[in-house]
Amino acid sequence: MWGSRSAVSNATLRQEQYANVALVVDLARWLNDRGQANPIPPAETVAYRVVGSDRTLWIITALLLAVMPALAVGGALLTWFDRR
């Protein structure tokens, strides 16, 4: 069995070396017996907060704005020097 956009075309289904005819018949039977779809409940969204002192927020800000970019640039420079 193989699949593509033309897998269900008459020209393809007439070829006996593929099992597409059996697949299409089984898919049609499965679709016929499915019934109604189950409703999907809406997902609940939760807002996350960082609760901390002013010092904690300054540390998080420093990490995100200074330390992490500096480490990324430093790693890129080390990689560039190593490949040169």
PDB file of N, CA and C in Angstrom:
ATOM      1  N   MET A   1       0.834  -1.168   0.000  1.00  0.00           N
ATOM      2  CA  MET A   1       0.000   0.000   0.000  1.00  0.00           C
ATOM      3  C   MET A   1       0.876   1.228   0.000  1.00  0.00           C
ATOM      4  N   TRP A   2       0.471   2.269  -0.679  1.00  0.00           N
ATOM      5  CA  TRP A   2       1.179   3.533  -0.708  1.00  0.00           C
ATOM      6  C   TRP A   2       0.153   4.650  -0.755  1.00  0.00           C
ATOM      7  N   GLY A   3       0.562   5.866  -0.494  1.00  0.00           N
ATOM      8  CA  GLY A   3      -0.399   6.958  -0.482  1.00  0.00           C
ATOM      9  C   GLY A   3       0.142   8.219  -1.116  1.00  0.00           C
ATOM     10  N   SER A   4      -0.742   8.961  -1.735  1.00  0.00           N
ATOM     11  CA  SER A   4      -0.464  10.284  -2.280  1.00  0.00           C
ATOM     12  C   SER A   4      -1.813  10.924  -2.584  1.00  0.00           C
ATOM     13  N   ARG A   5      -1.786  12.059  -3.273  1.00  0.00           N
ATOM     14  CA  ARG A   5      -3.052  12.706  -3.607  1.00  0.00           C
ATOM     15  C   ARG A   5      -3.876  11.875  -4.579  1.00  0.00           C
ATOM     16  N   SER A   6      -3.229  11.129  -5.412  1.00  0.00           N
ATOM     17  CA  SER A   6      -3.954  10.342  -6.410  1.00  0.00           C
ATOM     18  C   SER A   6      -4.193   8.905  -5.956  1.00  0.00           C
ATOM     19  N   ALA A   7      -4.041   8.626  -4.669  1.00  0.00           N
ATOM     20  CA  ALA A   7      -4.166   7.248  -4.175  1.00  0.00           C
ATOM     21  C   ALA A   7      -5.583   6.711  -4.302  1.00  0.00           C
ATOM     22  N   VAL A   8      -6.575   7.581  -4.382  1.00  0.00           N
ATOM     23  CA  VAL A   8      -7.965   7.133  -4.452  1.00  0.00           C
ATOM     24  C   VAL A   8      -8.532   7.322  -5.859  1.00  0.00           C
ATOM     25  N   SER A   9      -7.690   7.675  -6.809  1.00  0.00           N
ATOM     26  CA  SER A   9      -8.185   7.848  -8.175  1.00  0.00           C
ATOM     27  C   SER A   9      -8.458   6.482  -8.815  1.00  0.00           C
ATOM     28  N   ASN A  10      -9.299   6.477  -9.840  1.00  0.00           N
ATOM     29  CA  ASN A  10      -9.651   5.217 -10.511  1.00  0.00           C
ATOM     30  C   ASN A  10      -8.436   4.540 -11.128  1.00  0.00           C
ATOM     31  N   ALA A  11      -7.542   5.324 -11.704  1.00  0.00           N
ATOM     32  CA  ALA A  11      -6.358   4.740 -12.341  1.00  0.00           C
ATOM     33  C   ALA A  11      -5.496   4.003 -11.322  1.00  0.00           C
ATOM     34  N   THR A  12      -5.398   4.533 -10.128  1.00  0.00           N
ATOM     35  CA  THR A  12      -4.590   3.895  -9.096  1.00  0.00           C
ATOM     36  C   THR A  12      -5.311   2.705  -8.495  1.00  0.00           C
ATOM     37  N   LEU A  13      -6.615   2.836  -8.264  1.00  0.00           N
ATOM     38  CA  LEU A  13      -7.357   1.746  -7.631  1.00  0.00           C
ATOM     39  C   LEU A  13      -7.472   0.519  -8.546  1.00  0.00           C
ATOM     40  N   ARG A  14      -7.322   0.690  -9.841  1.00  0.00           N
ATOM     41  CA  ARG A  14      -7.389  -0.448 -10.765  1.00  0.00           C
ATOM     42  C   ARG A  14      -6.124  -1.300 -10.744  1.00  0.00           C
ATOM     43  N   GLN A  15      -5.039  -0.768 -10.234  1.00  0.00           N
ATOM     44  CA  GLN A  15      -3.778  -1.515 -10.203  1.00  0.00           C
ATOM     45  C   GLN A  15      -3.827  -2.549  -9.095  1.00  0.00           C
ATOM     46  N   GLU A  16      -3.596  -3.802  -9.432  1.00  0.00           N
ATOM     47  CA  GLU A  16      -3.752  -4.883  -8.473  1.00  0.00           C
ATOM     48  C   GLU A  16      -2.562  -5.026  -7.528  1.00  0.00           C
ATOM     49  N   GLN A  17      -1.420  -4.426  -7.850  1.00  0.00           N
ATOM     50  CA  GLN A  17      -0.258  -4.614  -6.985  1.00  0.00           C
ATOM     51  C   GLN A  17      -0.333  -3.799  -5.693  1.00  0.00           C
ATOM     52  N   TYR A  18      -1.253  -2.869  -5.602  1.00  0.00           N
ATOM     53  CA  TYR A  18      -1.419  -2.058  -4.399  1.00  0.00           C
ATOM     54  C   TYR A  18      -2.662  -2.495  -3.634  1.00  0.00           C
ATOM     55  N   ALA A  19      -2.638  -2.263  -2.340  1.00  0.00           N
ATOM     56  CA  ALA A  19      -3.777  -2.614  -1.493  1.00  0.00           C
ATOM     57  C   ALA A  19      -4.671  -1.412  -1.241  1.00  0.00           C
ATOM     58  N   ASN A  20      -4.638  -0.415  -2.098  1.00  0.00           N
ATOM     59  CA  ASN A  20      -5.422   0.799  -1.878  1.00  0.00           C
ATOM     60  C   ASN A  20      -6.921   0.545  -1.943  1.00  0.00           C
ATOM     61  N   VAL A  21      -7.370  -0.420  -2.739  1.00  0.00           N
ATOM     62  CA  VAL A  21      -8.800  -0.700  -2.828  1.00  0.00           C
ATOM     63  C   VAL A  21      -9.311  -1.155  -1.462  1.00  0.00           C
ATOM     64  N   ALA A  22      -8.596  -2.074  -0.824  1.00  0.00           N
ATOM     65  CA  ALA A  22      -9.007  -2.553   0.496  1.00  0.00           C
ATOM     66  C   ALA A  22      -8.983  -1.421   1.515  1.00  0.00           C
ATOM     67  N   LEU A  23      -7.981  -0.561   1.429  1.00  0.00           N
ATOM     68  CA  LEU A  23      -7.893   0.566   2.353  1.00  0.00           C
ATOM     69  C   LEU A  23      -9.061   1.520   2.179  1.00  0.00           C
ATOM     70  N   VAL A  24      -9.390   1.878   0.956  1.00  0.00           N
ATOM     71  CA  VAL A  24     -10.486   2.814   0.698  1.00  0.00           C
ATOM     72  C   VAL A  24     -11.815   2.217   1.157  1.00  0.00           C
ATOM     73  N   VAL A  25     -12.024   0.935   0.913  1.00  0.00           N
ATOM     74  CA  VAL A  25     -13.264   0.288   1.346  1.00  0.00           C
ATOM     75  C   VAL A  25     -13.339   0.276   2.870  1.00  0.00           C
ATOM     76  N   ASP A  26     -12.233  -0.060   3.545  1.00  0.00           N
ATOM     77  CA  ASP A  26     -12.226  -0.063   5.006  1.00  0.00           C
ATOM     78  C   ASP A  26     -12.445   1.335   5.569  1.00  0.00           C
ATOM     79  N   LEU A  27     -11.832   2.353   4.950  1.00  0.00           N
ATOM     80  CA  LEU A  27     -12.040   3.732   5.416  1.00  0.00           C
ATOM     81  C   LEU A  27     -13.491   4.171   5.244  1.00  0.00           C
ATOM     82  N   ALA A  28     -14.107   3.803   4.134  1.00  0.00           N
ATOM     83  CA  ALA A  28     -15.510   4.166   3.912  1.00  0.00           C
ATOM     84  C   ALA A  28     -16.410   3.479   4.940  1.00  0.00           C
ATOM     85  N   ARG A  29     -16.132   2.218   5.240  1.00  0.00           N
ATOM     86  CA  ARG A  29     -16.927   1.519   6.267  1.00  0.00           C
ATOM     87  C   ARG A  29     -16.730   2.160   7.633  1.00  0.00           C
ATOM     88  N   TRP A  30     -15.506   2.540   7.950  1.00  0.00           N
ATOM     89  CA  TRP A  30     -15.227   3.164   9.243  1.00  0.00           C
ATOM     90  C   TRP A  30     -15.947   4.505   9.352  1.00  0.00           C
ATOM     91  N   LEU A  31     -15.910   5.312   8.275  1.00  0.00           N
ATOM     92  CA  LEU A  31     -16.597   6.603   8.299  1.00  0.00           C
ATOM     93  C   LEU A  31     -18.105   6.433   8.429  1.00  0.00           C
ATOM     94  N   ASN A  32     -18.649   5.396   7.832  1.00  0.00           N
ATOM     95  CA  ASN A  32     -20.083   5.150   7.880  1.00  0.00           C
ATOM     96  C   ASN A  32     -20.546   4.777   9.292  1.00  0.00           C
ATOM     97  N   ASP A  33     -19.715   4.071  10.055  1.00  0.00           N
ATOM     98  CA  ASP A  33     -20.101   3.593  11.391  1.00  0.00           C
ATOM     99  C   ASP A  33     -19.692   4.534  12.515  1.00  0.00           C
ATOM    100  N   ARG A  34     -19.112   5.660  12.214  1.00  0.00           N
ATOM    101  CA  ARG A  34     -18.570   6.531  13.258  1.00  0.00           C
ATOM    102  C   ARG A  34     -19.625   7.191  14.119  1.00  0.00           C
ATOM    103  N   GLY A  35     -20.685   7.649  13.573  1.00  0.00           N
ATOM    104  CA  GLY A  35     -21.679   8.387  14.347  1.00  0.00           C
ATOM    105  C   GLY A  35     -21.248   9.825  14.551  1.00  0.00           C
ATOM    106  N   GLN A  36     -21.820  10.464  15.578  1.00  0.00           N
ATOM    107  CA  GLN A  36     -21.508  11.863  15.843  1.00  0.00           C
ATOM    108  C   GLN A  36     -20.175  11.993  16.561  1.00  0.00           C
ATOM    109  N   ALA A  37     -19.500  13.072  16.283  1.00  0.00           N
ATOM    110  CA  ALA A  37     -18.219  13.332  16.932  1.00  0.00           C
ATOM    111  C   ALA A  37     -18.444  13.742  18.389  1.00  0.00           C
ATOM    112  N   ASN A  38     -17.485  13.392  19.234  1.00  0.00           N
ATOM    113  CA  ASN A  38     -17.551  13.777  20.642  1.00  0.00           C
ATOM    114  C   ASN A  38     -17.193  15.248  20.781  1.00  0.00           C
ATOM    115  N   PRO A  39     -17.943  15.979  21.599  1.00  0.00           N
ATOM    116  CA  PRO A  39     -17.603  17.393  21.774  1.00  0.00           C
ATOM    117  C   PRO A  39     -16.307  17.538  22.579  1.00  0.00           C
ATOM    118  N   ILE A  40     -15.493  18.482  22.186  1.00  0.00           N
ATOM    119  CA  ILE A  40     -14.241  18.748  22.895  1.00  0.00           C
ATOM    120  C   ILE A  40     -14.479  19.942  23.806  1.00  0.00           C
ATOM    121  N   PRO A  41     -14.274  19.764  25.107  1.00  0.00           N
ATOM    122  CA  PRO A  41     -14.506  20.889  26.027  1.00  0.00           C
ATOM    123  C   PRO A  41     -13.447  21.975  25.814  1.00  0.00           C
ATOM    124  N   PRO A  42     -13.832  23.223  26.014  1.00  0.00           N
ATOM    125  CA  PRO A  42     -12.855  24.297  25.849  1.00  0.00           C
ATOM    126  C   PRO A  42     -11.775  24.218  26.927  1.00  0.00           C
ATOM    127  N   ALA A  43     -10.560  24.543  26.550  1.00  0.00           N
ATOM    128  CA  ALA A  43      -9.440  24.499  27.497  1.00  0.00           C
ATOM    129  C   ALA A  43      -9.498  25.713  28.412  1.00  0.00           C
ATOM    130  N   GLU A  44      -9.158  25.481  29.659  1.00  0.00           N
ATOM    131  CA  GLU A  44      -9.120  26.575  30.615  1.00  0.00           C
ATOM    132  C   GLU A  44      -7.741  27.217  30.573  1.00  0.00           C
ATOM    133  N   THR A  45      -7.717  28.526  30.489  1.00  0.00           N
ATOM    134  CA  THR A  45      -6.441  29.238  30.484  1.00  0.00           C
ATOM    135  C   THR A  45      -6.147  29.749  31.885  1.00  0.00           C
ATOM    136  N   VAL A  46      -4.890  29.642  32.263  1.00  0.00           N
ATOM    137  CA  VAL A  46      -4.461  30.072  33.585  1.00  0.00           C
ATOM    138  C   VAL A  46      -3.368  31.113  33.409  1.00  0.00           C
ATOM    139  N   ALA A  47      -3.512  32.227  34.070  1.00  0.00           N
ATOM    140  CA  ALA A  47      -2.486  33.261  34.027  1.00  0.00           C
ATOM    141  C   ALA A  47      -1.450  32.967  35.106  1.00  0.00           C
ATOM    142  N   TYR A  48      -0.186  33.011  34.724  1.00  0.00           N
ATOM    143  CA  TYR A  48       0.892  32.756  35.677  1.00  0.00           C
ATOM    144  C   TYR A  48       1.491  34.074  36.129  1.00  0.00           C
ATOM    145  N   ARG A  49       1.832  34.113  37.405  1.00  0.00           N
ATOM    146  CA  ARG A  49       2.433  35.318  37.971  1.00  0.00           C
ATOM    147  C   ARG A  49       3.682  34.939  38.732  1.00  0.00           C
ATOM    148  N   VAL A  50       4.627  35.858  38.748  1.00  0.00           N
ATOM    149  CA  VAL A  50       5.808  35.698  39.588  1.00  0.00           C
ATOM    150  C   VAL A  50       5.601  36.580  40.808  1.00  0.00           C
ATOM    151  N   VAL A  51       5.492  35.941  41.943  1.00  0.00           N
ATOM    152  CA  VAL A  51       5.297  36.682  43.180  1.00  0.00           C
ATOM    153  C   VAL A  51       6.625  36.651  43.934  1.00  0.00           C
ATOM    154  N   GLY A  52       7.212  37.803  44.085  1.00  0.00           N
ATOM    155  CA  GLY A  52       8.499  37.881  44.776  1.00  0.00           C
ATOM    156  C   GLY A  52       8.788  39.300  45.180  1.00  0.00           C
ATOM    157  N   SER A  53       9.887  39.440  45.864  1.00  0.00           N
ATOM    158  CA  SER A  53      10.275  40.769  46.309  1.00  0.00           C
ATOM    159  C   SER A  53      10.868  41.546  45.138  1.00  0.00           C
ATOM    160  N   ASP A  54      11.143  42.812  45.373  1.00  0.00           N
ATOM    161  CA  ASP A  54      11.758  43.638  44.339  1.00  0.00           C
ATOM    162  C   ASP A  54      13.130  43.101  43.941  1.00  0.00           C
ATOM    163  N   ARG A  55      13.856  42.576  44.913  1.00  0.00           N
ATOM    164  CA  ARG A  55      15.190  42.017  44.639  1.00  0.00           C
ATOM    165  C   ARG A  55      15.076  40.800  43.711  1.00  0.00           C
ATOM    166  N   THR A  56      14.087  39.938  43.953  1.00  0.00           N
ATOM    167  CA  THR A  56      13.893  38.754  43.116  1.00  0.00           C
ATOM    168  C   THR A  56      13.565  39.160  41.681  1.00  0.00           C
ATOM    169  N   LEU A  57      12.710  40.149  41.522  1.00  0.00           N
ATOM    170  CA  LEU A  57      12.366  40.608  40.187  1.00  0.00           C
ATOM    171  C   LEU A  57      13.565  41.245  39.478  1.00  0.00           C
ATOM    172  N   TRP A  58      14.425  41.962  40.226  1.00  0.00           N
ATOM    173  CA  TRP A  58      15.634  42.525  39.630  1.00  0.00           C
ATOM    174  C   TRP A  58      16.593  41.421  39.185  1.00  0.00           C
ATOM    175  N   ILE A  59      16.702  40.375  39.968  1.00  0.00           N
ATOM    176  CA  ILE A  59      17.581  39.255  39.599  1.00  0.00           C
ATOM    177  C   ILE A  59      17.066  38.565  38.340  1.00  0.00           C
ATOM    178  N   ILE A  60      15.757  38.332  38.267  1.00  0.00           N
ATOM    179  CA  ILE A  60      15.177  37.700  37.076  1.00  0.00           C
ATOM    180  C   ILE A  60      15.368  38.594  35.857  1.00  0.00           C
ATOM    181  N   THR A  61      15.172  39.901  36.017  1.00  0.00           N
ATOM    182  CA  THR A  61      15.361  40.836  34.908  1.00  0.00           C
ATOM    183  C   THR A  61      16.820  40.853  34.453  1.00  0.00           C
ATOM    184  N   ALA A  62      17.740  40.850  35.401  1.00  0.00           N
ATOM    185  CA  ALA A  62      19.163  40.844  35.040  1.00  0.00           C
ATOM    186  C   ALA A  62      19.528  39.570  34.304  1.00  0.00           C
ATOM    187  N   LEU A  63      18.990  38.447  34.748  1.00  0.00           N
ATOM    188  CA  LEU A  63      19.277  37.186  34.064  1.00  0.00           C
ATOM    189  C   LEU A  63      18.766  37.193  32.638  1.00  0.00           C
ATOM    190  N   LEU A  64      17.550  37.685  32.451  1.00  0.00           N
ATOM    191  CA  LEU A  64      16.950  37.658  31.120  1.00  0.00           C
ATOM    192  C   LEU A  64      17.545  38.691  30.175  1.00  0.00           C
ATOM    193  N   LEU A  65      17.923  39.861  30.680  1.00  0.00           N
ATOM    194  CA  LEU A  65      18.378  40.942  29.815  1.00  0.00           C
ATOM    195  C   LEU A  65      19.890  41.049  29.673  1.00  0.00           C
ATOM    196  N   ALA A  66      20.656  40.481  30.600  1.00  0.00           N
ATOM    197  CA  ALA A  66      22.103  40.652  30.527  1.00  0.00           C
ATOM    198  C   ALA A  66      22.850  39.321  30.485  1.00  0.00           C
ATOM    199  N   VAL A  67      22.613  38.463  31.431  1.00  0.00           N
ATOM    200  CA  VAL A  67      23.421  37.252  31.565  1.00  0.00           C
ATOM    201  C   VAL A  67      23.147  36.276  30.421  1.00  0.00           C
ATOM    202  N   MET A  68      21.893  35.991  30.130  1.00  0.00           N
ATOM    203  CA  MET A  68      21.569  35.015  29.085  1.00  0.00           C
ATOM    204  C   MET A  68      22.051  35.469  27.704  1.00  0.00           C
ATOM    205  N   PRO A  69      21.797  36.714  27.279  1.00  0.00           N
ATOM    206  CA  PRO A  69      22.335  37.138  25.982  1.00  0.00           C
ATOM    207  C   PRO A  69      23.868  37.131  25.943  1.00  0.00           C
ATOM    208  N   ALA A  70      24.514  37.503  27.053  1.00  0.00           N
ATOM    209  CA  ALA A  70      25.976  37.486  27.097  1.00  0.00           C
ATOM    210  C   ALA A  70      26.503  36.064  26.943  1.00  0.00           C
ATOM    211  N   LEU A  71      25.866  35.091  27.578  1.00  0.00           N
ATOM    212  CA  LEU A  71      26.276  33.698  27.424  1.00  0.00           C
ATOM    213  C   LEU A  71      26.070  33.206  25.999  1.00  0.00           C
ATOM    214  N   ALA A  72      24.975  33.615  25.371  1.00  0.00           N
ATOM    215  CA  ALA A  72      24.715  33.201  23.993  1.00  0.00           C
ATOM    216  C   ALA A  72      25.748  33.801  23.041  1.00  0.00           C
ATOM    217  N   VAL A  73      26.055  35.084  23.197  1.00  0.00           N
ATOM    218  CA  VAL A  73      27.047  35.721  22.339  1.00  0.00           C
ATOM    219  C   VAL A  73      28.426  35.124  22.595  1.00  0.00           C
ATOM    220  N   GLY A  74      28.754  34.882  23.858  1.00  0.00           N
ATOM    221  CA  GLY A  74      30.041  34.259  24.186  1.00  0.00           C
ATOM    222  C   GLY A  74      30.163  32.869  23.590  1.00  0.00           C
ATOM    223  N   GLY A  75      29.096  32.080  23.652  1.00  0.00           N
ATOM    224  CA  GLY A  75      29.115  30.746  23.046  1.00  0.00           C
ATOM    225  C   GLY A  75      29.267  30.812  21.538  1.00  0.00           C
ATOM    226  N   ALA A  76      28.622  31.786  20.922  1.00  0.00           N
ATOM    227  CA  ALA A  76      28.745  31.951  19.472  1.00  0.00           C
ATOM    228  C   ALA A  76      30.166  32.357  19.096  1.00  0.00           C
ATOM    229  N   LEU A  77      30.770  33.243  19.876  1.00  0.00           N
ATOM    230  CA  LEU A  77      32.147  33.645  19.595  1.00  0.00           C
ATOM    231  C   LEU A  77      33.122  32.484  19.774  1.00  0.00           C
ATOM    232  N   LEU A  78      32.946  31.697  20.824  1.00  0.00           N
ATOM    233  CA  LEU A  78      33.810  30.537  21.026  1.00  0.00           C
ATOM    234  C   LEU A  78      33.674  29.536  19.883  1.00  0.00           C
ATOM    235  N   THR A  79      32.464  29.322  19.420  1.00  0.00           N
ATOM    236  CA  THR A  79      32.251  28.417  18.299  1.00  0.00           C
ATOM    237  C   THR A  79      32.887  28.962  17.035  1.00  0.00           C
ATOM    238  N   TRP A  80      32.768  30.269  16.809  1.00  0.00           N
ATOM    239  CA  TRP A  80      33.355  30.883  15.625  1.00  0.00           C
ATOM    240  C   TRP A  80      34.877  30.776  15.656  1.00  0.00           C
ATOM    241  N   PHE A  81      35.488  31.049  16.839  1.00  0.00           N
ATOM    242  CA  PHE A  81      36.938  30.931  16.952  1.00  0.00           C
ATOM    243  C   PHE A  81      37.397  29.484  16.778  1.00  0.00           C
ATOM    244  N   ASP A  82      36.634  28.543  17.277  1.00  0.00           N
ATOM    245  CA  ASP A  82      37.007  27.144  17.170  1.00  0.00           C
ATOM    246  C   ASP A  82      36.966  26.662  15.716  1.00  0.00           C
ATOM    247  N   ARG A  83      36.035  27.158  14.934  1.00  0.00           N
ATOM    248  CA  ARG A  83      35.921  26.743  13.532  1.00  0.00           C
ATOM    249  C   ARG A  83      36.885  27.471  12.613  1.00  0.00           C
ATOM    250  N   ARG A  84      37.456  28.543  13.080  1.00  0.00           N
ATOM    251  CA  ARG A  84      38.407  29.308  12.253  1.00  0.00           C
ATOM    252  C   ARG A  84      39.721  28.688  12.189  1.00  0.00           C
TER     253      ARG A  84
END
